[in-house]
Amino acid sequence: MARKTPFEKEWANLLKKEARYRKKRVDGPTSLLLMKLDRFIPEKLSSTLSVAFFKAFQVIFEKGTRLIELTYNRAKKQADFKVNKFANEMYGDQRSARSFTREARGSRAFNLLISFVEGVALGLLGLGIPDIPLFMAVVLKGVYEVALSYGYDYHDENEKIFILKVIEVAMTDEEEFIEGDRQINEAIDVIAADGGVIGGWSIEKEEQMRQTSDALVKEMIYTKFIQGWTILGVFGGIFDPVYVNRITNYAIIKYRRRFLATRLKGEESAKQ
């Protein structure tokens, strides 16, 4: 049996990571304790939150991305990717193959801290809905940094749809997660087969924004409801970093899969 290449070993490690993440998402839905709040939640809150998330995506994609980029050095992250790529081409060992994922994990702790501070602060003031644009800015900051670590440009319109799909699936549970994860993996297979070129989505960006907004509402409606109460809202706000962590971890897994699938497809073609 031929020895596995460093990227083949990375692929095997990725599959184990995916299995562990999948188990967490399949083990159970939102806390049953939170779900007991159903009878207290106003009927219109779901639609109100959905509109708020959708508008947050609109504003950030149209005007906010440049502001988010002020919170990290985009040029340095792009340069770091090129350095990691060059090192891998030079050495071709396991350490250099792992460097992309190490880079992707680099800012996670800081982003969790930001989401905790803003979530708790606005919860203390009872500002659940006004928290949404800030929460989404932190989420997208984390995903943007992950994308850059693997060499992908989040300014591309097709890339935005991929990001939205990742966020949507990360916020689902059980059978819904299994199906969504399968669909993303199929999309990644197509991208890898096309040499890493992304595009050809069967859904428009605006419609994907609506679907992602609905997924966020479905999972977060309880915590946003709590966060809308002065002082008591702190308990809703502390869930912000939980969701940021969930989405960021899933983004790392899916971008890692996409990067490795494309790389392995290239290695396979080179052997032929």
C-alpha atoms as a PDB file:
ATOM      1  CA  MET A   1       0.000   0.000   0.000  1.00  0.00           C
ATOM      2  CA  ALA A   2       1.338   3.411  -1.032  1.00  0.00           C
ATOM      3  CA  ARG A   3       2.087   5.865   1.742  1.00  0.00           C
ATOM      4  CA  LYS A   4      -0.407   8.644   2.174  1.00  0.00           C
ATOM      5  CA  THR A   5       0.640  12.132   1.166  1.00  0.00           C
ATOM      6  CA  PRO A   6       0.455  14.902   3.810  1.00  0.00           C
ATOM      7  CA  PHE A   7      -2.803  16.167   2.310  1.00  0.00           C
ATOM      8  CA  GLU A   8      -4.275  12.669   2.272  1.00  0.00           C
ATOM      9  CA  LYS A   9      -3.443  12.440   5.986  1.00  0.00           C
ATOM     10  CA  GLU A  10      -5.074  15.837   6.488  1.00  0.00           C
ATOM     11  CA  TRP A  11      -8.166  14.539   4.681  1.00  0.00           C
ATOM     12  CA  ALA A  12      -8.377  11.528   6.995  1.00  0.00           C
ATOM     13  CA  ASN A  13      -8.062  13.840   9.996  1.00  0.00           C
ATOM     14  CA  LEU A  14     -10.764  16.104   8.573  1.00  0.00           C
ATOM     15  CA  LEU A  15     -13.223  13.220   8.240  1.00  0.00           C
ATOM     16  CA  LYS A  16     -12.776  12.478  11.960  1.00  0.00           C
ATOM     17  CA  LYS A  17     -13.376  16.154  12.809  1.00  0.00           C
ATOM     18  CA  GLU A  18     -16.503  16.156  10.660  1.00  0.00           C
ATOM     19  CA  ALA A  19     -17.831  13.048  12.380  1.00  0.00           C
ATOM     20  CA  ARG A  20     -17.388  14.632  15.815  1.00  0.00           C
ATOM     21  CA  TYR A  21     -19.039  17.870  14.742  1.00  0.00           C
ATOM     22  CA  ARG A  22     -21.892  15.941  13.084  1.00  0.00           C
ATOM     23  CA  LYS A  23     -22.520  14.020  16.302  1.00  0.00           C
ATOM     24  CA  LYS A  24     -22.892  17.277  18.248  1.00  0.00           C
ATOM     25  CA  ARG A  25     -25.409  18.617  15.763  1.00  0.00           C
ATOM     26  CA  VAL A  26     -27.398  15.371  15.664  1.00  0.00           C
ATOM     27  CA  ASP A  27     -27.481  14.682  19.415  1.00  0.00           C
ATOM     28  CA  GLY A  28     -30.211  17.208  20.113  1.00  0.00           C
ATOM     29  CA  PRO A  29     -31.967  20.500  19.363  1.00  0.00           C
ATOM     30  CA  THR A  30     -32.023  23.737  21.308  1.00  0.00           C
ATOM     31  CA  SER A  31     -32.220  23.374  25.097  1.00  0.00           C
ATOM     32  CA  LEU A  32     -35.599  22.028  26.184  1.00  0.00           C
ATOM     33  CA  LEU A  33     -35.546  24.598  28.988  1.00  0.00           C
ATOM     34  CA  LEU A  34     -35.390  27.422  26.452  1.00  0.00           C
ATOM     35  CA  MET A  35     -38.114  25.818  24.350  1.00  0.00           C
ATOM     36  CA  LYS A  36     -40.489  26.137  27.313  1.00  0.00           C
ATOM     37  CA  LEU A  37     -40.528  29.864  26.535  1.00  0.00           C
ATOM     38  CA  ASP A  38     -42.638  29.172  23.419  1.00  0.00           C
ATOM     39  CA  ARG A  39     -45.889  30.261  25.034  1.00  0.00           C
ATOM     40  CA  PHE A  40     -44.426  33.625  26.064  1.00  0.00           C
ATOM     41  CA  ILE A  41     -42.918  34.577  22.688  1.00  0.00           C
ATOM     42  CA  PRO A  42     -44.984  37.107  20.658  1.00  0.00           C
ATOM     43  CA  GLU A  43     -46.305  35.759  17.341  1.00  0.00           C
ATOM     44  CA  LYS A  44     -44.640  38.501  15.307  1.00  0.00           C
ATOM     45  CA  LEU A  45     -41.189  38.105  16.879  1.00  0.00           C
ATOM     46  CA  SER A  46     -40.086  35.447  14.387  1.00  0.00           C
ATOM     47  CA  SER A  47     -40.832  37.597  11.340  1.00  0.00           C
ATOM     48  CA  THR A  48     -39.338  40.671  13.033  1.00  0.00           C
ATOM     49  CA  LEU A  49     -36.079  38.838  13.752  1.00  0.00           C
ATOM     50  CA  SER A  50     -35.961  37.363  10.246  1.00  0.00           C
ATOM     51  CA  VAL A  51     -36.201  40.841   8.730  1.00  0.00           C
ATOM     52  CA  ALA A  52     -33.522  42.096  11.138  1.00  0.00           C
ATOM     53  CA  PHE A  53     -31.077  39.326  10.171  1.00  0.00           C
ATOM     54  CA  PHE A  54     -31.801  39.832   6.457  1.00  0.00           C
ATOM     55  CA  LYS A  55     -31.173  43.585   6.723  1.00  0.00           C
ATOM     56  CA  ALA A  56     -27.975  42.911   8.671  1.00  0.00           C
ATOM     57  CA  PHE A  57     -26.703  40.763   5.776  1.00  0.00           C
ATOM     58  CA  GLN A  58     -27.708  43.446   3.286  1.00  0.00           C
ATOM     59  CA  VAL A  59     -25.918  46.244   5.109  1.00  0.00           C
ATOM     60  CA  ILE A  60     -22.775  44.229   5.845  1.00  0.00           C
ATOM     61  CA  PHE A  61     -22.425  42.836   2.318  1.00  0.00           C
ATOM     62  CA  GLU A  62     -23.046  46.238   0.723  1.00  0.00           C
ATOM     63  CA  LYS A  63     -21.228  48.578   3.107  1.00  0.00           C
ATOM     64  CA  GLY A  64     -20.040  46.797   6.228  1.00  0.00           C
ATOM     65  CA  THR A  65     -17.367  44.436   4.928  1.00  0.00           C
ATOM     66  CA  ARG A  66     -14.856  47.267   4.584  1.00  0.00           C
ATOM     67  CA  LEU A  67     -15.529  48.249   8.201  1.00  0.00           C
ATOM     68  CA  ILE A  68     -15.080  44.658   9.368  1.00  0.00           C
ATOM     69  CA  GLU A  69     -11.733  44.579   7.557  1.00  0.00           C
ATOM     70  CA  LEU A  70     -10.536  47.402   9.809  1.00  0.00           C
ATOM     71  CA  THR A  71     -10.553  44.858  12.679  1.00  0.00           C
ATOM     72  CA  TYR A  72      -7.852  42.665  11.094  1.00  0.00           C
ATOM     73  CA  ASN A  73      -5.050  42.956   8.566  1.00  0.00           C
ATOM     74  CA  ARG A  74      -6.459  41.517   5.335  1.00  0.00           C
ATOM     75  CA  ALA A  75      -3.208  42.024   3.407  1.00  0.00           C
ATOM     76  CA  LYS A  76      -1.206  40.187   6.083  1.00  0.00           C
ATOM     77  CA  LYS A  77      -3.622  37.255   6.074  1.00  0.00           C
ATOM     78  CA  GLN A  78      -3.362  37.017   2.298  1.00  0.00           C
ATOM     79  CA  ALA A  79       0.418  37.146   2.591  1.00  0.00           C
ATOM     80  CA  ASP A  80       0.367  34.460   5.304  1.00  0.00           C
ATOM     81  CA  PHE A  81      -1.594  32.195   2.972  1.00  0.00           C
ATOM     82  CA  LYS A  82       1.005  32.680   0.226  1.00  0.00           C
ATOM     83  CA  VAL A  83       3.804  31.937   2.711  1.00  0.00           C
ATOM     84  CA  ASN A  84       2.054  28.756   3.878  1.00  0.00           C
ATOM     85  CA  LYS A  85       1.452  27.716   0.280  1.00  0.00           C
ATOM     86  CA  PHE A  86       5.103  28.327  -0.634  1.00  0.00           C
ATOM     87  CA  ALA A  87       6.311  26.409   2.433  1.00  0.00           C
ATOM     88  CA  ASN A  88       4.104  23.492   1.507  1.00  0.00           C
ATOM     89  CA  GLU A  89       5.420  23.468  -2.057  1.00  0.00           C
ATOM     90  CA  MET A  90       8.972  23.579  -0.735  1.00  0.00           C
ATOM     91  CA  TYR A  91       8.742  20.972   2.033  1.00  0.00           C
ATOM     92  CA  GLY A  92       5.558  19.015   1.305  1.00  0.00           C
ATOM     93  CA  ASP A  93       5.427  17.681   4.875  1.00  0.00           C
ATOM     94  CA  GLN A  94       2.623  17.238   7.421  1.00  0.00           C
ATOM     95  CA  ARG A  95       3.508  20.399   9.336  1.00  0.00           C
ATOM     96  CA  SER A  96       3.242  22.641   6.283  1.00  0.00           C
ATOM     97  CA  ALA A  97      -0.001  20.926   5.237  1.00  0.00           C
ATOM     98  CA  ARG A  98      -1.499  21.771   8.638  1.00  0.00           C
ATOM     99  CA  SER A  99      -0.386  25.410   8.564  1.00  0.00           C
ATOM    100  CA  PHE A 100      -3.541  26.566   6.737  1.00  0.00           C
ATOM    101  CA  THR A 101      -5.834  25.206   9.443  1.00  0.00           C
ATOM    102  CA  ARG A 102      -3.639  26.580  12.238  1.00  0.00           C
ATOM    103  CA  GLU A 103      -3.978  29.995  10.631  1.00  0.00           C
ATOM    104  CA  ALA A 104      -7.767  29.599  10.314  1.00  0.00           C
ATOM    105  CA  ARG A 105      -8.081  28.960  14.055  1.00  0.00           C
ATOM    106  CA  GLY A 106      -5.893  31.909  15.010  1.00  0.00           C
ATOM    107  CA  SER A 107      -8.502  34.603  15.672  1.00  0.00           C
ATOM    108  CA  ARG A 108     -11.269  32.424  17.078  1.00  0.00           C
ATOM    109  CA  ALA A 109     -10.662  33.208  20.765  1.00  0.00           C
ATOM    110  CA  PHE A 110     -10.613  36.974  20.158  1.00  0.00           C
ATOM    111  CA  ASN A 111     -13.862  36.842  18.169  1.00  0.00           C
ATOM    112  CA  LEU A 112     -15.544  34.872  20.956  1.00  0.00           C
ATOM    113  CA  LEU A 113     -14.459  37.529  23.439  1.00  0.00           C
ATOM    114  CA  ILE A 114     -15.904  40.303  21.254  1.00  0.00           C
ATOM    115  CA  SER A 115     -19.236  38.479  20.884  1.00  0.00           C
ATOM    116  CA  PHE A 116     -19.398  37.865  24.643  1.00  0.00           C
ATOM    117  CA  VAL A 117     -18.784  41.517  25.506  1.00  0.00           C
ATOM    118  CA  GLU A 118     -21.262  42.948  22.998  1.00  0.00           C
ATOM    119  CA  GLY A 119     -23.886  40.280  23.703  1.00  0.00           C
ATOM    120  CA  VAL A 120     -23.800  40.773  27.464  1.00  0.00           C
ATOM    121  CA  ALA A 121     -23.610  44.586  27.219  1.00  0.00           C
ATOM    122  CA  LEU A 122     -26.661  44.862  24.960  1.00  0.00           C
ATOM    123  CA  GLY A 123     -28.458  42.173  26.962  1.00  0.00           C
ATOM    124  CA  LEU A 124     -27.933  44.227  30.100  1.00  0.00           C
ATOM    125  CA  LEU A 125     -29.695  47.088  28.310  1.00  0.00           C
ATOM    126  CA  GLY A 126     -32.442  44.813  27.002  1.00  0.00           C
ATOM    127  CA  LEU A 127     -31.462  45.363  23.365  1.00  0.00           C
ATOM    128  CA  GLY A 128     -31.991  42.018  21.652  1.00  0.00           C
ATOM    129  CA  ILE A 129     -32.804  43.144  18.107  1.00  0.00           C
ATOM    130  CA  PRO A 130     -30.195  45.975  17.974  1.00  0.00           C
ATOM    131  CA  ASP A 131     -27.626  43.303  18.890  1.00  0.00           C
ATOM    132  CA  ILE A 132     -28.246  41.456  15.601  1.00  0.00           C
ATOM    133  CA  PRO A 133     -26.083  43.640  13.269  1.00  0.00           C
ATOM    134  CA  LEU A 134     -23.181  43.508  15.735  1.00  0.00           C
ATOM    135  CA  PHE A 135     -23.581  39.765  16.234  1.00  0.00           C
ATOM    136  CA  MET A 136     -23.604  39.155  12.473  1.00  0.00           C
ATOM    137  CA  ALA A 137     -20.578  41.414  12.007  1.00  0.00           C
ATOM    138  CA  VAL A 138     -18.609  39.240  14.458  1.00  0.00           C
ATOM    139  CA  VAL A 139     -19.867  36.050  12.767  1.00  0.00           C
ATOM    140  CA  LEU A 140     -18.836  37.288   9.317  1.00  0.00           C
ATOM    141  CA  LYS A 141     -15.513  38.566  10.655  1.00  0.00           C
ATOM    142  CA  GLY A 142     -14.750  35.049  11.826  1.00  0.00           C
ATOM    143  CA  VAL A 143     -15.822  33.415   8.559  1.00  0.00           C
ATOM    144  CA  TYR A 144     -13.949  36.006   6.472  1.00  0.00           C
ATOM    145  CA  GLU A 145     -10.736  35.273   8.370  1.00  0.00           C
ATOM    146  CA  VAL A 146     -11.225  31.540   7.856  1.00  0.00           C
ATOM    147  CA  ALA A 147     -11.772  32.073   4.109  1.00  0.00           C
ATOM    148  CA  LEU A 148      -8.579  34.136   3.818  1.00  0.00           C
ATOM    149  CA  SER A 149      -6.603  31.449   5.656  1.00  0.00           C
ATOM    150  CA  TYR A 150      -7.443  29.002   2.863  1.00  0.00           C
ATOM    151  CA  GLY A 151      -6.929  31.520   0.054  1.00  0.00           C
ATOM    152  CA  TYR A 152     -10.552  32.378  -0.770  1.00  0.00           C
ATOM    153  CA  ASP A 153     -11.924  35.841  -1.588  1.00  0.00           C
ATOM    154  CA  TYR A 154     -15.130  36.628   0.298  1.00  0.00           C
ATOM    155  CA  HIS A 155     -15.737  39.708  -1.883  1.00  0.00           C
ATOM    156  CA  ASP A 156     -16.818  37.395  -4.704  1.00  0.00           C
ATOM    157  CA  GLU A 157     -20.623  37.181  -5.019  1.00  0.00           C
ATOM    158  CA  ASN A 158     -20.588  33.382  -5.380  1.00  0.00           C
ATOM    159  CA  GLU A 159     -18.370  33.158  -2.306  1.00  0.00           C
ATOM    160  CA  LYS A 160     -20.977  35.100  -0.326  1.00  0.00           C
ATOM    161  CA  ILE A 161     -23.570  32.449  -1.197  1.00  0.00           C
ATOM    162  CA  PHE A 162     -21.195  29.738   0.029  1.00  0.00           C
ATOM    163  CA  ILE A 163     -20.679  31.654   3.285  1.00  0.00           C
ATOM    164  CA  LEU A 164     -24.430  32.053   3.742  1.00  0.00           C
ATOM    165  CA  LYS A 165     -24.966  28.321   3.159  1.00  0.00           C
ATOM    166  CA  VAL A 166     -22.306  27.478   5.757  1.00  0.00           C
ATOM    167  CA  ILE A 167     -23.950  29.759   8.337  1.00  0.00           C
ATOM    168  CA  GLU A 168     -27.402  28.341   7.569  1.00  0.00           C
ATOM    169  CA  VAL A 169     -26.377  24.712   7.992  1.00  0.00           C
ATOM    170  CA  ALA A 170     -24.307  25.452  11.118  1.00  0.00           C
ATOM    171  CA  MET A 171     -27.477  26.716  12.807  1.00  0.00           C
ATOM    172  CA  THR A 172     -29.499  23.541  12.161  1.00  0.00           C
ATOM    173  CA  ASP A 173     -29.789  20.294  14.127  1.00  0.00           C
ATOM    174  CA  GLU A 174     -30.594  16.617  13.657  1.00  0.00           C
ATOM    175  CA  GLU A 175     -31.939  15.500  10.237  1.00  0.00           C
ATOM    176  CA  GLU A 176     -31.961  19.060   8.926  1.00  0.00           C
ATOM    177  CA  PHE A 177     -28.245  19.359   9.628  1.00  0.00           C
ATOM    178  CA  ILE A 178     -27.456  15.995   8.032  1.00  0.00           C
ATOM    179  CA  GLU A 179     -29.229  16.999   4.812  1.00  0.00           C
ATOM    180  CA  GLY A 180     -27.724  20.489   4.715  1.00  0.00           C
ATOM    181  CA  ASP A 181     -24.229  19.166   5.386  1.00  0.00           C
ATOM    182  CA  ARG A 182     -24.645  16.618   2.590  1.00  0.00           C
ATOM    183  CA  GLN A 183     -25.639  19.349   0.163  1.00  0.00           C
ATOM    184  CA  ILE A 184     -22.631  21.498   1.060  1.00  0.00           C
ATOM    185  CA  ASN A 185     -20.310  18.516   0.601  1.00  0.00           C
ATOM    186  CA  GLU A 186     -21.827  17.878  -2.825  1.00  0.00           C
ATOM    187  CA  ALA A 187     -21.257  21.524  -3.741  1.00  0.00           C
ATOM    188  CA  ILE A 188     -17.646  21.241  -2.573  1.00  0.00           C
ATOM    189  CA  ASP A 189     -17.166  18.146  -4.760  1.00  0.00           C
ATOM    190  CA  VAL A 190     -18.362  20.124  -7.787  1.00  0.00           C
ATOM    191  CA  ILE A 191     -16.074  23.049  -6.919  1.00  0.00           C
ATOM    192  CA  ALA A 192     -13.081  20.711  -6.542  1.00  0.00           C
ATOM    193  CA  ALA A 193     -13.889  18.975  -9.838  1.00  0.00           C
ATOM    194  CA  ASP A 194     -13.904  22.406 -11.511  1.00  0.00           C
ATOM    195  CA  GLY A 195     -10.401  23.109 -10.281  1.00  0.00           C
ATOM    196  CA  GLY A 196     -11.534  25.187  -7.322  1.00  0.00           C
ATOM    197  CA  VAL A 197     -13.744  27.525  -9.348  1.00  0.00           C
ATOM    198  CA  ILE A 198     -16.883  28.474  -7.430  1.00  0.00           C
ATOM    199  CA  GLY A 199     -20.151  29.354  -9.134  1.00  0.00           C
ATOM    200  CA  GLY A 200     -23.262  28.057 -10.805  1.00  0.00           C
ATOM    201  CA  TRP A 201     -25.499  28.197  -7.742  1.00  0.00           C
ATOM    202  CA  SER A 202     -29.147  27.344  -8.318  1.00  0.00           C
ATOM    203  CA  ILE A 203     -30.164  30.017  -5.797  1.00  0.00           C
ATOM    204  CA  GLU A 204     -29.812  33.800  -5.865  1.00  0.00           C
ATOM    205  CA  LYS A 205     -27.914  35.544  -3.076  1.00  0.00           C
ATOM    206  CA  GLU A 206     -31.019  37.355  -1.785  1.00  0.00           C
ATOM    207  CA  GLU A 207     -32.981  34.124  -1.477  1.00  0.00           C
ATOM    208  CA  GLN A 208     -30.062  32.445   0.309  1.00  0.00           C
ATOM    209  CA  MET A 209     -29.943  35.425   2.673  1.00  0.00           C
ATOM    210  CA  ARG A 210     -33.604  34.802   3.520  1.00  0.00           C
ATOM    211  CA  GLN A 211     -33.019  31.096   4.119  1.00  0.00           C
ATOM    212  CA  THR A 212     -30.010  31.784   6.320  1.00  0.00           C
ATOM    213  CA  SER A 213     -31.936  34.451   8.245  1.00  0.00           C
ATOM    214  CA  ASP A 214     -34.776  31.987   8.879  1.00  0.00           C
ATOM    215  CA  ALA A 215     -32.305  29.372  10.155  1.00  0.00           C
ATOM    216  CA  LEU A 216     -30.772  31.907  12.541  1.00  0.00           C
ATOM    217  CA  VAL A 217     -34.209  32.885  13.845  1.00  0.00           C
ATOM    218  CA  LYS A 218     -35.287  29.286  14.346  1.00  0.00           C
ATOM    219  CA  GLU A 219     -32.271  28.605  16.542  1.00  0.00           C
ATOM    220  CA  MET A 220     -31.903  31.986  18.265  1.00  0.00           C
ATOM    221  CA  ILE A 221     -35.479  33.139  18.837  1.00  0.00           C
ATOM    222  CA  TYR A 222     -35.405  32.067  22.496  1.00  0.00           C
ATOM    223  CA  THR A 223     -32.136  33.805  23.345  1.00  0.00           C
ATOM    224  CA  LYS A 224     -33.101  36.948  21.446  1.00  0.00           C
ATOM    225  CA  PHE A 225     -36.422  36.997  23.301  1.00  0.00           C
ATOM    226  CA  ILE A 226     -34.595  36.844  26.648  1.00  0.00           C
ATOM    227  CA  GLN A 227     -32.045  39.411  25.495  1.00  0.00           C
ATOM    228  CA  GLY A 228     -34.854  41.901  24.935  1.00  0.00           C
ATOM    229  CA  TRP A 229     -35.447  42.202  28.698  1.00  0.00           C
ATOM    230  CA  THR A 230     -33.431  44.726  30.682  1.00  0.00           C
ATOM    231  CA  ILE A 231     -30.823  43.092  32.976  1.00  0.00           C
ATOM    232  CA  LEU A 232     -32.367  39.620  32.437  1.00  0.00           C
ATOM    233  CA  GLY A 233     -31.180  40.019  28.843  1.00  0.00           C
ATOM    234  CA  VAL A 234     -27.638  39.230  29.995  1.00  0.00           C
ATOM    235  CA  PHE A 235     -28.634  35.543  30.030  1.00  0.00           C
ATOM    236  CA  GLY A 236     -29.653  35.807  26.387  1.00  0.00           C
ATOM    237  CA  GLY A 237     -26.511  37.700  25.450  1.00  0.00           C
ATOM    238  CA  ILE A 238     -24.159  35.057  26.816  1.00  0.00           C
ATOM    239  CA  PHE A 239     -25.338  32.738  24.044  1.00  0.00           C
ATOM    240  CA  ASP A 240     -23.831  34.988  21.351  1.00  0.00           C
ATOM    241  CA  PRO A 241     -20.309  33.508  21.676  1.00  0.00           C
ATOM    242  CA  VAL A 242     -21.831  30.001  21.724  1.00  0.00           C
ATOM    243  CA  TYR A 243     -23.327  30.588  18.283  1.00  0.00           C
ATOM    244  CA  VAL A 244     -20.243  32.396  16.991  1.00  0.00           C
ATOM    245  CA  ASN A 245     -18.148  29.407  18.059  1.00  0.00           C
ATOM    246  CA  ARG A 246     -20.541  26.943  16.417  1.00  0.00           C
ATOM    247  CA  ILE A 247     -20.517  28.804  13.092  1.00  0.00           C
ATOM    248  CA  THR A 248     -16.772  29.445  13.104  1.00  0.00           C
ATOM    249  CA  ASN A 249     -15.968  25.789  13.817  1.00  0.00           C
ATOM    250  CA  TYR A 250     -18.244  24.663  11.007  1.00  0.00           C
ATOM    251  CA  ALA A 251     -16.731  27.244   8.634  1.00  0.00           C
ATOM    252  CA  ILE A 252     -13.234  25.923   9.407  1.00  0.00           C
ATOM    253  CA  ILE A 253     -14.375  22.362   8.689  1.00  0.00           C
ATOM    254  CA  LYS A 254     -16.091  23.208   5.386  1.00  0.00           C
ATOM    255  CA  TYR A 255     -13.369  25.537   4.102  1.00  0.00           C
ATOM    256  CA  ARG A 256     -10.783  22.949   5.082  1.00  0.00           C
ATOM    257  CA  ARG A 257     -12.749  20.295   3.198  1.00  0.00           C
ATOM    258  CA  ARG A 258     -13.010  22.530   0.138  1.00  0.00           C
ATOM    259  CA  PHE A 259      -9.302  23.371   0.213  1.00  0.00           C
ATOM    260  CA  LEU A 260      -8.235  19.744   0.659  1.00  0.00           C
ATOM    261  CA  ALA A 261     -10.706  18.364  -1.902  1.00  0.00           C
ATOM    262  CA  THR A 262      -9.404  20.801  -4.514  1.00  0.00           C
ATOM    263  CA  ARG A 263      -5.796  20.062  -3.612  1.00  0.00           C
ATOM    264  CA  LEU A 264      -6.282  16.277  -3.722  1.00  0.00           C
ATOM    265  CA  LYS A 265      -8.116  16.522  -7.034  1.00  0.00           C
ATOM    266  CA  GLY A 266      -5.119  18.447  -8.377  1.00  0.00           C
ATOM    267  CA  GLU A 267      -2.694  15.791  -7.090  1.00  0.00           C
ATOM    268  CA  GLU A 268      -4.814  13.104  -8.701  1.00  0.00           C
ATOM    269  CA  SER A 269      -4.818  14.891 -12.057  1.00  0.00           C
ATOM    270  CA  ALA A 270      -1.042  15.395 -11.878  1.00  0.00           C
ATOM    271  CA  LYS A 271      -0.512  11.602 -11.539  1.00  0.00           C
ATOM    272  CA  GLN A 272      -2.525  10.855 -14.687  1.00  0.00           C
END
